[in-house]
Amino acid sequence: MKVVVASHNPVKKRSVQVALGECFKKQVEVIGTHVEPGVSDQPMSEEETLKGATNRAKGASKMDSDAEYFVGIEGGVQVVDNQLMAFAWIVITDGNKYAQARTHVI
């Protein structure tokens, strides 16, 4: 299975490769590409972070038409109970349908 990740970050690419390999029980080829997220360098809210991940997934889907999935990952921070909390939004698309997930703060 071929997947495009909107990043050249080796940690993001490997995370997608392992997660989708486990999910689909097959070999996953991950191609990294640069996509502008259209948000600030450090998103400071849920909305901005989700927008960045969505923009990355959409942009990746325009890069390589023979991939099965396209993934955008955006890290963000926000203040929760007077503490700065880090999190990420992950958006995956097949070019038509979109799914999203967020890391959880414990």
C-alpha atoms as a PDB file:
ATOM      1  CA  MET A   1       0.000   0.000   0.000  1.00  0.00           C
ATOM      2  CA  LYS A   2       1.311   3.459  -0.903  1.00  0.00           C
ATOM      3  CA  VAL A   3       0.698   6.390   1.479  1.00  0.00           C
ATOM      4  CA  VAL A   4       1.747  10.024   1.135  1.00  0.00           C
ATOM      5  CA  VAL A   5       2.551  11.897   4.349  1.00  0.00           C
ATOM      6  CA  ALA A   6       2.613  15.698   4.193  1.00  0.00           C
ATOM      7  CA  SER A   7       6.004  15.847   5.891  1.00  0.00           C
ATOM      8  CA  HIS A   8       9.616  14.825   5.459  1.00  0.00           C
ATOM      9  CA  ASN A   9       9.881  14.337   9.232  1.00  0.00           C
ATOM     10  CA  PRO A  10      11.162  10.756   9.721  1.00  0.00           C
ATOM     11  CA  VAL A  11       9.216  10.317  12.986  1.00  0.00           C
ATOM     12  CA  LYS A  12       5.902  11.237  11.336  1.00  0.00           C
ATOM     13  CA  LYS A  13       6.618   9.027   8.327  1.00  0.00           C
ATOM     14  CA  ARG A  14       7.608   6.037  10.462  1.00  0.00           C
ATOM     15  CA  SER A  15       4.595   6.497  12.743  1.00  0.00           C
ATOM     16  CA  VAL A  16       2.248   6.372   9.762  1.00  0.00           C
ATOM     17  CA  GLN A  17       4.069   3.361   8.327  1.00  0.00           C
ATOM     18  CA  VAL A  18       3.829   1.379  11.580  1.00  0.00           C
ATOM     19  CA  ALA A  19       0.233   2.393  12.385  1.00  0.00           C
ATOM     20  CA  LEU A  20      -1.197   1.632   8.949  1.00  0.00           C
ATOM     21  CA  GLY A  21       0.890  -1.529   8.637  1.00  0.00           C
ATOM     22  CA  GLU A  22      -0.632  -2.788  11.884  1.00  0.00           C
ATOM     23  CA  CYS A  23      -4.123  -1.664  10.909  1.00  0.00           C
ATOM     24  CA  PHE A  24      -4.139  -3.210   7.424  1.00  0.00           C
ATOM     25  CA  LYS A  25      -1.674  -6.048   8.089  1.00  0.00           C
ATOM     26  CA  LYS A  26       0.305  -5.265   4.964  1.00  0.00           C
ATOM     27  CA  GLN A  27       3.496  -3.581   3.831  1.00  0.00           C
ATOM     28  CA  VAL A  28       3.200   0.213   3.706  1.00  0.00           C
ATOM     29  CA  GLU A  29       5.333   2.405   1.457  1.00  0.00           C
ATOM     30  CA  VAL A  30       5.436   5.956   2.813  1.00  0.00           C
ATOM     31  CA  ILE A  31       6.332   8.891   0.598  1.00  0.00           C
ATOM     32  CA  GLY A  32       7.027  12.221   2.297  1.00  0.00           C
ATOM     33  CA  THR A  33       6.193  15.531   0.646  1.00  0.00           C
ATOM     34  CA  HIS A  34       6.202  19.166   1.659  1.00  0.00           C
ATOM     35  CA  VAL A  35       2.799  20.827   2.050  1.00  0.00           C
ATOM     36  CA  GLU A  36       2.255  24.284   3.521  1.00  0.00           C
ATOM     37  CA  PRO A  37      -0.199  23.900   6.407  1.00  0.00           C
ATOM     38  CA  GLY A  38      -1.599  27.418   6.076  1.00  0.00           C
ATOM     39  CA  VAL A  39      -1.340  28.035   9.831  1.00  0.00           C
ATOM     40  CA  SER A  40       1.252  29.599  12.117  1.00  0.00           C
ATOM     41  CA  ASP A  41       4.532  27.782  12.763  1.00  0.00           C
ATOM     42  CA  GLN A  42       3.213  26.817  16.214  1.00  0.00           C
ATOM     43  CA  PRO A  43      -0.564  26.456  16.239  1.00  0.00           C
ATOM     44  CA  MET A  44      -1.988  27.623  19.558  1.00  0.00           C
ATOM     45  CA  SER A  45      -5.531  26.206  19.452  1.00  0.00           C
ATOM     46  CA  GLU A  46      -7.552  23.114  18.578  1.00  0.00           C
ATOM     47  CA  GLU A  47      -9.057  24.854  15.554  1.00  0.00           C
ATOM     48  CA  GLU A  48      -5.774  26.068  14.104  1.00  0.00           C
ATOM     49  CA  THR A  49      -4.073  22.712  14.647  1.00  0.00           C
ATOM     50  CA  LEU A  50      -6.912  20.759  13.022  1.00  0.00           C
ATOM     51  CA  LYS A  51      -6.915  23.204  10.107  1.00  0.00           C
ATOM     52  CA  GLY A  52      -3.178  22.628   9.613  1.00  0.00           C
ATOM     53  CA  ALA A  53      -3.553  18.834   9.603  1.00  0.00           C
ATOM     54  CA  THR A  54      -6.511  19.035   7.205  1.00  0.00           C
ATOM     55  CA  ASN A  55      -4.658  21.382   4.853  1.00  0.00           C
ATOM     56  CA  ARG A  56      -1.663  19.044   4.874  1.00  0.00           C
ATOM     57  CA  ALA A  57      -3.802  15.984   4.040  1.00  0.00           C
ATOM     58  CA  LYS A  58      -5.620  17.846   1.247  1.00  0.00           C
ATOM     59  CA  GLY A  59      -2.348  19.127  -0.166  1.00  0.00           C
ATOM     60  CA  ALA A  60      -0.767  15.680  -0.059  1.00  0.00           C
ATOM     61  CA  SER A  61      -3.725  14.220  -1.968  1.00  0.00           C
ATOM     62  CA  LYS A  62      -2.853  16.497  -4.890  1.00  0.00           C
ATOM     63  CA  MET A  63       0.772  15.310  -5.004  1.00  0.00           C
ATOM     64  CA  ASP A  64       0.495  11.639  -5.967  1.00  0.00           C
ATOM     65  CA  SER A  65      -2.649  10.183  -7.484  1.00  0.00           C
ATOM     66  CA  ASP A  66      -1.674   6.513  -7.229  1.00  0.00           C
ATOM     67  CA  ALA A  67      -1.389   6.474  -3.420  1.00  0.00           C
ATOM     68  CA  GLU A  68      -4.238   4.923  -1.446  1.00  0.00           C
ATOM     69  CA  TYR A  69      -4.107   7.339   1.488  1.00  0.00           C
ATOM     70  CA  PHE A  70      -2.819  10.823   2.278  1.00  0.00           C
ATOM     71  CA  VAL A  71      -1.960  11.913   5.816  1.00  0.00           C
ATOM     72  CA  GLY A  72      -1.553  15.285   7.495  1.00  0.00           C
ATOM     73  CA  ILE A  73      -0.167  15.568  11.030  1.00  0.00           C
ATOM     74  CA  GLU A  74      -0.033  18.888  12.876  1.00  0.00           C
ATOM     75  CA  GLY A  75       1.230  19.483  16.396  1.00  0.00           C
ATOM     76  CA  GLY A  76      -0.324  22.210  18.516  1.00  0.00           C
ATOM     77  CA  VAL A  77      -0.329  23.620  22.028  1.00  0.00           C
ATOM     78  CA  GLN A  78      -2.957  25.268  24.181  1.00  0.00           C
ATOM     79  CA  VAL A  79      -3.440  26.283  27.790  1.00  0.00           C
ATOM     80  CA  VAL A  80      -5.520  23.822  29.843  1.00  0.00           C
ATOM     81  CA  ASP A  81      -5.976  24.429  33.577  1.00  0.00           C
ATOM     82  CA  ASN A  82      -3.156  26.996  33.540  1.00  0.00           C
ATOM     83  CA  GLN A  83      -0.754  24.500  31.947  1.00  0.00           C
ATOM     84  CA  LEU A  84       0.582  24.472  28.425  1.00  0.00           C
ATOM     85  CA  MET A  85      -0.453  21.161  26.834  1.00  0.00           C
ATOM     86  CA  ALA A  86       0.918  19.708  23.605  1.00  0.00           C
ATOM     87  CA  PHE A  87      -1.200  17.583  21.277  1.00  0.00           C
ATOM     88  CA  ALA A  88      -1.569  16.666  17.616  1.00  0.00           C
ATOM     89  CA  TRP A  89      -4.320  16.264  15.071  1.00  0.00           C
ATOM     90  CA  ILE A  90      -4.010  13.566  12.408  1.00  0.00           C
ATOM     91  CA  VAL A  91      -6.140  13.715   9.266  1.00  0.00           C
ATOM     92  CA  ILE A  92      -6.233  10.910   6.712  1.00  0.00           C
ATOM     93  CA  THR A  93      -8.018  10.898   3.373  1.00  0.00           C
ATOM     94  CA  ASP A  94      -8.371   8.714   0.332  1.00  0.00           C
ATOM     95  CA  GLY A  95      -9.028  11.886  -1.658  1.00  0.00           C
ATOM     96  CA  ASN A  96     -12.792  11.727  -1.078  1.00  0.00           C
ATOM     97  CA  LYS A  97     -13.542  10.807   2.531  1.00  0.00           C
ATOM     98  CA  TYR A  98     -11.739  12.304   5.525  1.00  0.00           C
ATOM     99  CA  ALA A  99     -11.111  10.879   8.991  1.00  0.00           C
ATOM    100  CA  GLN A 100      -9.488  12.659  11.900  1.00  0.00           C
ATOM    101  CA  ALA A 101      -8.015  11.765  15.260  1.00  0.00           C
ATOM    102  CA  ARG A 102      -6.462  13.724  18.082  1.00  0.00           C
ATOM    103  CA  THR A 103      -3.869  12.690  20.601  1.00  0.00           C
ATOM    104  CA  HIS A 104      -5.227  12.548  24.122  1.00  0.00           C
ATOM    105  CA  VAL A 105      -3.964  14.355  27.198  1.00  0.00           C
ATOM    106  CA  ILE A 106      -3.881  12.108  30.259  1.00  0.00           C
END
